[in-house]
Amino acid sequence: MPHDHDHDHSHDAANGSSSRRRLTIALLLTAGYLVAEVVGGLLTNSLALLADAGHMLTDVASLALALFAVWLAARPAPPEKTFGYYRAEILAALVNGAALLAACGWIIFEAIRRFREPAEVLGPGMFGVACGGLVVNLIAMKVLHGSHEHNLNVRGAWLHVIADTLGSVAAIVGAILVWWKNWYWADPAASVAIAFLVLFSAWRLTAQATSVLMESVPEGLDIEAIRGAIANTPGVANQHDLHVWSITTGRVCLSVHVTSEPNLPRGEMLRRLRPMLLDKFGISHTTIQVEPQDYDDCGSNCD
């Protein structure tokens, strides 16, 4: 079966090294401030701080998991794993999304209890700790910026930090209202705001990871447009079994069977299809089976 595979290992190695460095810095920053936020939440009796600390704990876990996944994905593939460990990053992203959803449930449950029975909160201490958390999250967000655009696993960690940054802002607003107005309900209100911010990012991350695992057509690609482009390529008489999926973020694969016109060499068919798929759709990892018109390997199962 004639085929073509293209894979830039040096590019992957560079991306993996950058991702590891960024994730390590973000992990150290987040873990370092986690202790301060837990202590501050307990001392000030602030649910918003404890909620943010709980989310920061999931940040630490997600960053550690993401770092492990990057290391695992860079390992040489054993013979029985022909695609290596690239899917480890997607699995890590899925676990991160599930952890975020669980954190949302706990925050909302505790906030409802606080609404019913408002607890006294030390506003000044809450404000100071929340401001410190905001600074740490902004630094971590800056560190992860860039890699998150090319790697779903790093994007999961980045979304954790983004949600935590917005959570720190909500905690600061709640602290100001508690401090100046003695509005103790502002503390659980800030917690609910944090929960909904987390929920949005968690749902999108989980959906993206699930889509990759289900081998759906990657976002930004139109399967019908690809089908049409193949059909309009000179020399293609017919096509079937077209599949487009991604192994991990940014690694799109395509396989297709095409029927060639009479007397057209198979090599020429590949030379026409491969550049077209790369130029129009950015797909470089292709497996193309070229068949003569009298060849039938699927009977009625062809699409």
C-alpha atoms as a PDB file:
ATOM      1  CA  MET A   1       0.000   0.000   0.000  1.00  0.00           C
ATOM      2  CA  PRO A   2       1.658   3.226  -1.090  1.00  0.00           C
ATOM      3  CA  HIS A   3       1.718   5.713   1.713  1.00  0.00           C
ATOM      4  CA  ASP A   4       3.425   8.786   3.017  1.00  0.00           C
ATOM      5  CA  HIS A   5       4.356   9.732   6.549  1.00  0.00           C
ATOM      6  CA  ASP A   6       5.946  12.966   7.640  1.00  0.00           C
ATOM      7  CA  HIS A   7       7.009  13.687  11.203  1.00  0.00           C
ATOM      8  CA  ASP A   8       9.220  16.473  12.534  1.00  0.00           C
ATOM      9  CA  HIS A   9      10.852  14.953  15.610  1.00  0.00           C
ATOM     10  CA  SER A  10      13.146  17.934  16.236  1.00  0.00           C
ATOM     11  CA  HIS A  11      10.125  20.247  16.374  1.00  0.00           C
ATOM     12  CA  ASP A  12       8.380  17.913  18.832  1.00  0.00           C
ATOM     13  CA  ALA A  13      11.489  17.713  21.008  1.00  0.00           C
ATOM     14  CA  ALA A  14      11.772  21.498  21.142  1.00  0.00           C
ATOM     15  CA  ASN A  15       8.094  21.869  22.028  1.00  0.00           C
ATOM     16  CA  GLY A  16       8.388  19.155  24.669  1.00  0.00           C
ATOM     17  CA  SER A  17      11.410  20.808  26.271  1.00  0.00           C
ATOM     18  CA  SER A  18       9.690  24.202  26.339  1.00  0.00           C
ATOM     19  CA  SER A  19       6.526  22.693  27.799  1.00  0.00           C
ATOM     20  CA  ARG A  20       8.463  20.906  30.545  1.00  0.00           C
ATOM     21  CA  ARG A  21      10.313  24.081  31.516  1.00  0.00           C
ATOM     22  CA  ARG A  22       7.177  26.203  31.612  1.00  0.00           C
ATOM     23  CA  LEU A  23       5.173  23.615  33.521  1.00  0.00           C
ATOM     24  CA  THR A  24       7.952  23.161  36.092  1.00  0.00           C
ATOM     25  CA  ILE A  25       8.145  26.893  36.833  1.00  0.00           C
ATOM     26  CA  ALA A  26       4.359  27.182  37.085  1.00  0.00           C
ATOM     27  CA  LEU A  27       4.235  24.131  39.377  1.00  0.00           C
ATOM     28  CA  LEU A  28       6.818  25.554  41.782  1.00  0.00           C
ATOM     29  CA  LEU A  29       5.055  28.927  41.917  1.00  0.00           C
ATOM     30  CA  THR A  30       1.620  27.433  42.511  1.00  0.00           C
ATOM     31  CA  ALA A  31       2.719  24.860  45.071  1.00  0.00           C
ATOM     32  CA  GLY A  32       4.654  27.519  46.965  1.00  0.00           C
ATOM     33  CA  TYR A  33       1.635  29.776  47.404  1.00  0.00           C
ATOM     34  CA  LEU A  34      -0.844  26.973  48.055  1.00  0.00           C
ATOM     35  CA  VAL A  35       0.305  26.675  51.670  1.00  0.00           C
ATOM     36  CA  ALA A  36      -0.043  30.423  52.249  1.00  0.00           C
ATOM     37  CA  GLU A  37      -3.569  30.451  50.833  1.00  0.00           C
ATOM     38  CA  VAL A  38      -4.702  27.496  52.963  1.00  0.00           C
ATOM     39  CA  VAL A  39      -3.293  29.103  56.124  1.00  0.00           C
ATOM     40  CA  GLY A  40      -4.803  32.463  55.171  1.00  0.00           C
ATOM     41  CA  GLY A  41      -8.207  30.918  54.486  1.00  0.00           C
ATOM     42  CA  LEU A  42      -8.243  29.172  57.856  1.00  0.00           C
ATOM     43  CA  LEU A  43      -7.091  32.249  59.773  1.00  0.00           C
ATOM     44  CA  THR A  44      -9.586  34.595  58.112  1.00  0.00           C
ATOM     45  CA  ASN A  45     -12.427  32.029  57.951  1.00  0.00           C
ATOM     46  CA  SER A  46     -12.852  32.862  54.250  1.00  0.00           C
ATOM     47  CA  LEU A  47     -14.610  30.300  52.078  1.00  0.00           C
ATOM     48  CA  ALA A  48     -13.529  32.197  48.981  1.00  0.00           C
ATOM     49  CA  LEU A  49      -9.873  31.767  49.961  1.00  0.00           C
ATOM     50  CA  LEU A  50     -10.374  28.119  50.869  1.00  0.00           C
ATOM     51  CA  ALA A  51     -12.229  27.575  47.595  1.00  0.00           C
ATOM     52  CA  ASP A  52      -9.407  29.258  45.730  1.00  0.00           C
ATOM     53  CA  ALA A  53      -6.923  27.149  47.697  1.00  0.00           C
ATOM     54  CA  GLY A  54      -8.870  24.030  46.764  1.00  0.00           C
ATOM     55  CA  HIS A  55      -8.713  25.073  43.154  1.00  0.00           C
ATOM     56  CA  MET A  56      -5.029  25.849  43.537  1.00  0.00           C
ATOM     57  CA  LEU A  57      -4.567  22.318  44.886  1.00  0.00           C
ATOM     58  CA  THR A  58      -6.118  20.994  41.685  1.00  0.00           C
ATOM     59  CA  ASP A  59      -3.729  23.352  39.860  1.00  0.00           C
ATOM     60  CA  VAL A  60      -0.774  21.707  41.576  1.00  0.00           C
ATOM     61  CA  ALA A  61      -2.124  18.247  40.756  1.00  0.00           C
ATOM     62  CA  SER A  62      -2.906  19.211  37.162  1.00  0.00           C
ATOM     63  CA  LEU A  63       0.490  20.806  36.613  1.00  0.00           C
ATOM     64  CA  ALA A  64       2.248  17.762  38.066  1.00  0.00           C
ATOM     65  CA  LEU A  65       0.103  15.474  35.916  1.00  0.00           C
ATOM     66  CA  ALA A  66       0.703  17.606  32.839  1.00  0.00           C
ATOM     67  CA  LEU A  67       4.442  17.578  33.496  1.00  0.00           C
ATOM     68  CA  PHE A  68       4.386  13.793  33.828  1.00  0.00           C
ATOM     69  CA  ALA A  69       2.387  13.493  30.594  1.00  0.00           C
ATOM     70  CA  VAL A  70       4.895  15.654  28.689  1.00  0.00           C
ATOM     71  CA  TRP A  71       7.731  13.461  29.980  1.00  0.00           C
ATOM     72  CA  LEU A  72       5.812  10.297  29.073  1.00  0.00           C
ATOM     73  CA  ALA A  73       4.948  11.560  25.584  1.00  0.00           C
ATOM     74  CA  ALA A  74       8.648  12.209  24.893  1.00  0.00           C
ATOM     75  CA  ARG A  75       9.649   8.628  25.701  1.00  0.00           C
ATOM     76  CA  PRO A  76      10.682   6.383  22.795  1.00  0.00           C
ATOM     77  CA  ALA A  77       7.784   4.301  21.576  1.00  0.00           C
ATOM     78  CA  PRO A  78       7.999   0.539  22.192  1.00  0.00           C
ATOM     79  CA  PRO A  79       7.212  -1.724  19.215  1.00  0.00           C
ATOM     80  CA  GLU A  80       3.655  -2.398  20.376  1.00  0.00           C
ATOM     81  CA  LYS A  81       2.841   1.349  20.695  1.00  0.00           C
ATOM     82  CA  THR A  82       3.280   2.585  17.152  1.00  0.00           C
ATOM     83  CA  PHE A  83       2.073   6.107  17.974  1.00  0.00           C
ATOM     84  CA  GLY A  84       4.128   6.355  21.142  1.00  0.00           C
ATOM     85  CA  TYR A  85       2.701   7.998  24.263  1.00  0.00           C
ATOM     86  CA  TYR A  86       1.194  11.097  22.658  1.00  0.00           C
ATOM     87  CA  ARG A  87      -2.279  10.260  23.946  1.00  0.00           C
ATOM     88  CA  ALA A  88      -0.953  10.496  27.530  1.00  0.00           C
ATOM     89  CA  GLU A  89      -1.252  14.275  27.187  1.00  0.00           C
ATOM     90  CA  ILE A  90      -4.907  13.975  26.177  1.00  0.00           C
ATOM     91  CA  LEU A  91      -5.652  11.611  29.049  1.00  0.00           C
ATOM     92  CA  ALA A  92      -4.014  14.103  31.433  1.00  0.00           C
ATOM     93  CA  ALA A  93      -6.175  16.892  30.019  1.00  0.00           C
ATOM     94  CA  LEU A  94      -9.299  14.763  30.520  1.00  0.00           C
ATOM     95  CA  VAL A  95      -8.371  14.024  34.146  1.00  0.00           C
ATOM     96  CA  ASN A  96      -7.712  17.727  34.733  1.00  0.00           C
ATOM     97  CA  GLY A  97     -11.121  18.624  33.349  1.00  0.00           C
ATOM     98  CA  ALA A  98     -12.840  16.051  35.560  1.00  0.00           C
ATOM     99  CA  ALA A  99     -10.970  17.358  38.608  1.00  0.00           C
ATOM    100  CA  LEU A 100     -12.123  20.891  37.846  1.00  0.00           C
ATOM    101  CA  LEU A 101     -15.748  19.749  37.581  1.00  0.00           C
ATOM    102  CA  ALA A 102     -15.474  18.000  40.950  1.00  0.00           C
ATOM    103  CA  ALA A 103     -13.985  21.145  42.510  1.00  0.00           C
ATOM    104  CA  CYS A 104     -16.956  23.148  41.206  1.00  0.00           C
ATOM    105  CA  GLY A 105     -19.388  20.815  42.952  1.00  0.00           C
ATOM    106  CA  TRP A 106     -17.640  21.179  46.310  1.00  0.00           C
ATOM    107  CA  ILE A 107     -17.370  24.981  46.089  1.00  0.00           C
ATOM    108  CA  ILE A 108     -21.050  25.444  45.210  1.00  0.00           C
ATOM    109  CA  PHE A 109     -22.182  23.034  47.948  1.00  0.00           C
ATOM    110  CA  GLU A 110     -20.168  24.872  50.606  1.00  0.00           C
ATOM    111  CA  ALA A 111     -21.273  28.286  49.309  1.00  0.00           C
ATOM    112  CA  ILE A 112     -24.956  27.330  49.663  1.00  0.00           C
ATOM    113  CA  ARG A 113     -24.317  26.369  53.263  1.00  0.00           C
ATOM    114  CA  ARG A 114     -22.589  29.710  53.910  1.00  0.00           C
ATOM    115  CA  PHE A 115     -25.486  31.637  52.358  1.00  0.00           C
ATOM    116  CA  ARG A 116     -27.838  29.997  54.856  1.00  0.00           C
ATOM    117  CA  GLU A 117     -25.496  30.545  57.795  1.00  0.00           C
ATOM    118  CA  PRO A 118     -23.187  33.529  57.073  1.00  0.00           C
ATOM    119  CA  ALA A 119     -19.878  33.270  58.914  1.00  0.00           C
ATOM    120  CA  GLU A 120     -17.726  36.150  60.084  1.00  0.00           C
ATOM    121  CA  VAL A 121     -14.713  36.719  57.844  1.00  0.00           C
ATOM    122  CA  LEU A 122     -11.577  38.800  58.467  1.00  0.00           C
ATOM    123  CA  GLY A 123     -11.637  41.148  55.482  1.00  0.00           C
ATOM    124  CA  PRO A 124      -8.114  42.658  55.668  1.00  0.00           C
ATOM    125  CA  GLY A 125      -6.407  39.283  55.900  1.00  0.00           C
ATOM    126  CA  MET A 126      -8.593  37.874  53.138  1.00  0.00           C
ATOM    127  CA  PHE A 127      -7.722  40.851  50.934  1.00  0.00           C
ATOM    128  CA  GLY A 128      -3.972  40.482  51.477  1.00  0.00           C
ATOM    129  CA  VAL A 129      -3.893  36.751  50.785  1.00  0.00           C
ATOM    130  CA  ALA A 130      -6.110  37.102  47.698  1.00  0.00           C
ATOM    131  CA  CYS A 131      -3.815  39.821  46.289  1.00  0.00           C
ATOM    132  CA  GLY A 132      -0.802  37.565  46.793  1.00  0.00           C
ATOM    133  CA  GLY A 133      -2.591  34.736  45.005  1.00  0.00           C
ATOM    134  CA  LEU A 134      -3.422  37.046  42.109  1.00  0.00           C
ATOM    135  CA  VAL A 135       0.251  37.983  41.663  1.00  0.00           C
ATOM    136  CA  VAL A 136       1.370  34.338  41.715  1.00  0.00           C
ATOM    137  CA  ASN A 137      -1.311  33.314  39.217  1.00  0.00           C
ATOM    138  CA  LEU A 138      -0.456  36.164  36.847  1.00  0.00           C
ATOM    139  CA  ILE A 139       3.186  35.071  36.847  1.00  0.00           C
ATOM    140  CA  ALA A 140       2.236  31.425  36.243  1.00  0.00           C
ATOM    141  CA  MET A 141      -0.157  32.470  33.468  1.00  0.00           C
ATOM    142  CA  LYS A 142       2.624  34.421  31.776  1.00  0.00           C
ATOM    143  CA  VAL A 143       4.991  31.470  32.045  1.00  0.00           C
ATOM    144  CA  LEU A 144       2.524  29.087  30.382  1.00  0.00           C
ATOM    145  CA  HIS A 145       1.455  31.565  27.688  1.00  0.00           C
ATOM    146  CA  GLY A 146       2.533  30.413  24.244  1.00  0.00           C
ATOM    147  CA  SER A 147       2.802  26.670  24.833  1.00  0.00           C
ATOM    148  CA  HIS A 148      -0.931  26.487  25.621  1.00  0.00           C
ATOM    149  CA  GLU A 149      -1.757  27.308  21.996  1.00  0.00           C
ATOM    150  CA  HIS A 150      -0.058  24.186  20.642  1.00  0.00           C
ATOM    151  CA  ASN A 151      -0.635  21.551  23.320  1.00  0.00           C
ATOM    152  CA  LEU A 152      -3.982  20.504  24.801  1.00  0.00           C
ATOM    153  CA  ASN A 153      -2.286  19.138  27.904  1.00  0.00           C
ATOM    154  CA  VAL A 154      -0.523  22.457  28.614  1.00  0.00           C
ATOM    155  CA  ARG A 155      -3.747  24.247  27.706  1.00  0.00           C
ATOM    156  CA  GLY A 156      -5.472  22.295  30.473  1.00  0.00           C
ATOM    157  CA  ALA A 157      -2.902  23.506  33.003  1.00  0.00           C
ATOM    158  CA  TRP A 158      -3.164  27.047  31.585  1.00  0.00           C
ATOM    159  CA  LEU A 159      -6.953  27.009  31.960  1.00  0.00           C
ATOM    160  CA  HIS A 160      -6.523  25.975  35.577  1.00  0.00           C
ATOM    161  CA  VAL A 161      -4.308  29.005  36.157  1.00  0.00           C
ATOM    162  CA  ILE A 162      -6.645  31.322  34.229  1.00  0.00           C
ATOM    163  CA  ALA A 163      -9.618  30.200  36.298  1.00  0.00           C
ATOM    164  CA  ASP A 164      -7.584  30.581  39.480  1.00  0.00           C
ATOM    165  CA  THR A 165      -6.520  34.086  38.433  1.00  0.00           C
ATOM    166  CA  LEU A 166     -10.124  35.108  37.913  1.00  0.00           C
ATOM    167  CA  GLY A 167     -10.945  33.398  41.195  1.00  0.00           C
ATOM    168  CA  SER A 168      -8.352  35.558  42.954  1.00  0.00           C
ATOM    169  CA  VAL A 169     -10.024  38.643  41.472  1.00  0.00           C
ATOM    170  CA  ALA A 170     -13.398  37.436  42.769  1.00  0.00           C
ATOM    171  CA  ALA A 171     -11.856  36.810  46.191  1.00  0.00           C
ATOM    172  CA  ILE A 172     -10.380  40.339  46.200  1.00  0.00           C
ATOM    173  CA  VAL A 173     -13.773  41.874  45.374  1.00  0.00           C
ATOM    174  CA  GLY A 174     -15.395  39.765  48.098  1.00  0.00           C
ATOM    175  CA  ALA A 175     -12.698  40.792  50.576  1.00  0.00           C
ATOM    176  CA  ILE A 176     -13.264  44.484  49.840  1.00  0.00           C
ATOM    177  CA  LEU A 177     -17.018  44.134  50.444  1.00  0.00           C
ATOM    178  CA  VAL A 178     -16.448  42.207  53.665  1.00  0.00           C
ATOM    179  CA  TRP A 179     -13.795  44.645  54.876  1.00  0.00           C
ATOM    180  CA  TRP A 180     -15.591  47.904  54.098  1.00  0.00           C
ATOM    181  CA  LYS A 181     -19.274  46.958  54.352  1.00  0.00           C
ATOM    182  CA  ASN A 182     -19.282  43.878  56.587  1.00  0.00           C
ATOM    183  CA  TRP A 183     -21.212  42.083  53.844  1.00  0.00           C
ATOM    184  CA  TYR A 184     -20.281  38.558  54.844  1.00  0.00           C
ATOM    185  CA  TRP A 185     -22.495  37.111  52.116  1.00  0.00           C
ATOM    186  CA  ALA A 186     -19.931  38.475  49.622  1.00  0.00           C
ATOM    187  CA  ASP A 187     -17.549  35.677  50.612  1.00  0.00           C
ATOM    188  CA  PRO A 188     -19.764  32.767  49.435  1.00  0.00           C
ATOM    189  CA  ALA A 189     -20.898  34.928  46.499  1.00  0.00           C
ATOM    190  CA  ALA A 190     -17.277  35.219  45.394  1.00  0.00           C
ATOM    191  CA  SER A 191     -16.979  31.452  45.818  1.00  0.00           C
ATOM    192  CA  VAL A 192     -19.912  30.852  43.470  1.00  0.00           C
ATOM    193  CA  ALA A 193     -18.362  33.233  40.921  1.00  0.00           C
ATOM    194  CA  ILE A 194     -15.138  31.228  41.122  1.00  0.00           C
ATOM    195  CA  ALA A 195     -17.079  27.971  40.657  1.00  0.00           C
ATOM    196  CA  PHE A 196     -18.772  29.171  37.476  1.00  0.00           C
ATOM    197  CA  LEU A 197     -15.462  30.395  36.054  1.00  0.00           C
ATOM    198  CA  VAL A 198     -13.968  26.984  36.747  1.00  0.00           C
ATOM    199  CA  LEU A 199     -17.016  25.216  35.302  1.00  0.00           C
ATOM    200  CA  PHE A 200     -16.710  26.993  31.953  1.00  0.00           C
ATOM    201  CA  SER A 201     -13.051  26.105  31.462  1.00  0.00           C
ATOM    202  CA  ALA A 202     -13.542  22.554  32.751  1.00  0.00           C
ATOM    203  CA  TRP A 203     -16.398  21.811  30.376  1.00  0.00           C
ATOM    204  CA  ARG A 204     -14.530  23.046  27.314  1.00  0.00           C
ATOM    205  CA  LEU A 205     -11.337  21.207  28.237  1.00  0.00           C
ATOM    206  CA  THR A 206     -13.207  17.955  28.881  1.00  0.00           C
ATOM    207  CA  ALA A 207     -15.091  18.270  25.589  1.00  0.00           C
ATOM    208  CA  GLN A 208     -11.868  18.876  23.638  1.00  0.00           C
ATOM    209  CA  ALA A 209     -10.074  15.935  25.236  1.00  0.00           C
ATOM    210  CA  THR A 210     -13.072  13.660  24.636  1.00  0.00           C
ATOM    211  CA  SER A 211     -13.219  14.739  21.010  1.00  0.00           C
ATOM    212  CA  VAL A 212      -9.586  13.714  20.475  1.00  0.00           C
ATOM    213  CA  LEU A 213     -10.095  10.375  22.222  1.00  0.00           C
ATOM    214  CA  MET A 214     -13.180   9.722  20.074  1.00  0.00           C
ATOM    215  CA  GLU A 215     -11.026  10.470  17.006  1.00  0.00           C
ATOM    216  CA  SER A 216     -13.379  13.172  15.793  1.00  0.00           C
ATOM    217  CA  VAL A 217     -12.396  15.477  12.949  1.00  0.00           C
ATOM    218  CA  PRO A 218     -10.158  18.158  14.535  1.00  0.00           C
ATOM    219  CA  GLU A 219     -11.541  21.645  15.064  1.00  0.00           C
ATOM    220  CA  GLY A 220     -10.962  23.916  12.086  1.00  0.00           C
ATOM    221  CA  LEU A 221     -11.096  21.131   9.494  1.00  0.00           C
ATOM    222  CA  ASP A 222     -14.100  20.467   7.254  1.00  0.00           C
ATOM    223  CA  ILE A 223     -14.315  16.793   6.276  1.00  0.00           C
ATOM    224  CA  GLU A 224     -16.520  17.582   3.283  1.00  0.00           C
ATOM    225  CA  ALA A 225     -14.051  20.196   2.048  1.00  0.00           C
ATOM    226  CA  ILE A 226     -11.260  17.618   2.275  1.00  0.00           C
ATOM    227  CA  ARG A 227     -13.388  15.050   0.478  1.00  0.00           C
ATOM    228  CA  GLY A 228     -14.148  17.540  -2.269  1.00  0.00           C
ATOM    229  CA  ALA A 229     -10.505  18.567  -2.664  1.00  0.00           C
ATOM    230  CA  ILE A 230      -9.485  14.920  -3.080  1.00  0.00           C
ATOM    231  CA  ALA A 231     -12.272  14.316  -5.605  1.00  0.00           C
ATOM    232  CA  ASN A 232     -11.191  17.361  -7.643  1.00  0.00           C
ATOM    233  CA  THR A 233      -7.554  16.283  -7.793  1.00  0.00           C
ATOM    234  CA  PRO A 234      -6.676  15.318 -11.400  1.00  0.00           C
ATOM    235  CA  GLY A 235      -6.445  11.555 -11.767  1.00  0.00           C
ATOM    236  CA  VAL A 236      -8.809  10.646  -8.920  1.00  0.00           C
ATOM    237  CA  ALA A 237     -11.753   8.618 -10.231  1.00  0.00           C
ATOM    238  CA  ASN A 238     -13.269   7.774  -6.834  1.00  0.00           C
ATOM    239  CA  GLN A 239     -12.522   7.659  -3.109  1.00  0.00           C
ATOM    240  CA  HIS A 240     -13.718   5.909   0.026  1.00  0.00           C
ATOM    241  CA  ASP A 241     -12.753   5.198   3.645  1.00  0.00           C
ATOM    242  CA  LEU A 242     -11.705   8.791   4.331  1.00  0.00           C
ATOM    243  CA  HIS A 243     -10.747   9.333   7.980  1.00  0.00           C
ATOM    244  CA  VAL A 244      -9.301  12.456   9.594  1.00  0.00           C
ATOM    245  CA  TRP A 245      -8.375  12.522  13.281  1.00  0.00           C
ATOM    246  CA  SER A 246      -5.698  13.735  15.667  1.00  0.00           C
ATOM    247  CA  ILE A 247      -3.400  11.678  17.882  1.00  0.00           C
ATOM    248  CA  THR A 248      -2.788  14.650  20.146  1.00  0.00           C
ATOM    249  CA  THR A 249      -3.000  18.411  19.835  1.00  0.00           C
ATOM    250  CA  GLY A 250      -1.590  19.617  16.519  1.00  0.00           C
ATOM    251  CA  ARG A 251      -0.877  16.107  15.162  1.00  0.00           C
ATOM    252  CA  VAL A 252      -3.529  15.526  12.498  1.00  0.00           C
ATOM    253  CA  CYS A 253      -3.663  12.251  10.575  1.00  0.00           C
ATOM    254  CA  LEU A 254      -5.519  11.293   7.418  1.00  0.00           C
ATOM    255  CA  SER A 255      -6.127   7.980   5.687  1.00  0.00           C
ATOM    256  CA  VAL A 256      -8.045   7.406   2.477  1.00  0.00           C
ATOM    257  CA  HIS A 257      -8.469   4.944  -0.378  1.00  0.00           C
ATOM    258  CA  VAL A 258      -8.552   6.505  -3.842  1.00  0.00           C
ATOM    259  CA  THR A 259      -9.321   4.944  -7.192  1.00  0.00           C
ATOM    260  CA  SER A 260      -7.033   6.217  -9.928  1.00  0.00           C
ATOM    261  CA  GLU A 261      -7.823   6.786 -13.552  1.00  0.00           C
ATOM    262  CA  PRO A 262      -6.501   4.183 -16.020  1.00  0.00           C
ATOM    263  CA  ASN A 263      -2.762   4.225 -16.785  1.00  0.00           C
ATOM    264  CA  LEU A 264      -1.959   6.724 -14.031  1.00  0.00           C
ATOM    265  CA  PRO A 265       1.059   5.561 -11.982  1.00  0.00           C
ATOM    266  CA  ARG A 266       0.433   5.241  -8.270  1.00  0.00           C
ATOM    267  CA  GLY A 267       3.471   7.348  -7.479  1.00  0.00           C
ATOM    268  CA  GLU A 268       2.087  10.207  -9.556  1.00  0.00           C
ATOM    269  CA  MET A 269      -1.208  10.008  -7.681  1.00  0.00           C
ATOM    270  CA  LEU A 270       0.635  10.393  -4.381  1.00  0.00           C
ATOM    271  CA  ARG A 271       2.690  13.291  -5.727  1.00  0.00           C
ATOM    272  CA  ARG A 272      -0.545  15.121  -6.505  1.00  0.00           C
ATOM    273  CA  LEU A 273      -2.488  14.360  -3.345  1.00  0.00           C
ATOM    274  CA  ARG A 274       0.141  14.828  -0.649  1.00  0.00           C
ATOM    275  CA  PRO A 275       1.157  18.447  -1.470  1.00  0.00           C
ATOM    276  CA  MET A 276      -2.501  19.388  -1.906  1.00  0.00           C
ATOM    277  CA  LEU A 277      -3.460  18.044   1.542  1.00  0.00           C
ATOM    278  CA  LEU A 278      -0.493  19.801   3.126  1.00  0.00           C
ATOM    279  CA  ASP A 279      -1.001  23.149   1.390  1.00  0.00           C
ATOM    280  CA  LYS A 280      -4.793  23.393   1.749  1.00  0.00           C
ATOM    281  CA  PHE A 281      -5.363  21.727   5.094  1.00  0.00           C
ATOM    282  CA  GLY A 282      -1.977  21.512   6.814  1.00  0.00           C
ATOM    283  CA  ILE A 283      -2.151  17.703   7.018  1.00  0.00           C
ATOM    284  CA  SER A 284       1.294  16.141   6.678  1.00  0.00           C
ATOM    285  CA  HIS A 285       0.763  12.697   8.238  1.00  0.00           C
ATOM    286  CA  THR A 286      -1.122  10.863   5.495  1.00  0.00           C
ATOM    287  CA  THR A 287      -1.740   7.249   4.532  1.00  0.00           C
ATOM    288  CA  ILE A 288      -3.092   6.963   0.989  1.00  0.00           C
ATOM    289  CA  GLN A 289      -4.003   3.682  -0.674  1.00  0.00           C
ATOM    290  CA  VAL A 290      -4.160   4.040  -4.457  1.00  0.00           C
ATOM    291  CA  GLU A 291      -6.295   1.405  -6.194  1.00  0.00           C
ATOM    292  CA  PRO A 292      -6.970   0.633  -9.877  1.00  0.00           C
ATOM    293  CA  GLN A 293     -10.545   0.990 -11.077  1.00  0.00           C
ATOM    294  CA  ASP A 294     -11.189  -2.771 -11.176  1.00  0.00           C
ATOM    295  CA  TYR A 295     -10.016  -3.236  -7.562  1.00  0.00           C
ATOM    296  CA  ASP A 296     -12.632  -3.819  -4.838  1.00  0.00           C
ATOM    297  CA  ASP A 297     -11.392  -4.505  -1.320  1.00  0.00           C
ATOM    298  CA  CYS A 298     -14.506  -3.531   0.632  1.00  0.00           C
ATOM    299  CA  GLY A 299     -17.592  -4.514  -1.324  1.00  0.00           C
ATOM    300  CA  SER A 300     -20.642  -2.696   0.006  1.00  0.00           C
ATOM    301  CA  ASN A 301     -18.828  -1.336   3.074  1.00  0.00           C
ATOM    302  CA  CYS A 302     -17.171   1.573   1.240  1.00  0.00           C
ATOM    303  CA  ASP A 303     -18.432   5.042   2.072  1.00  0.00           C
END
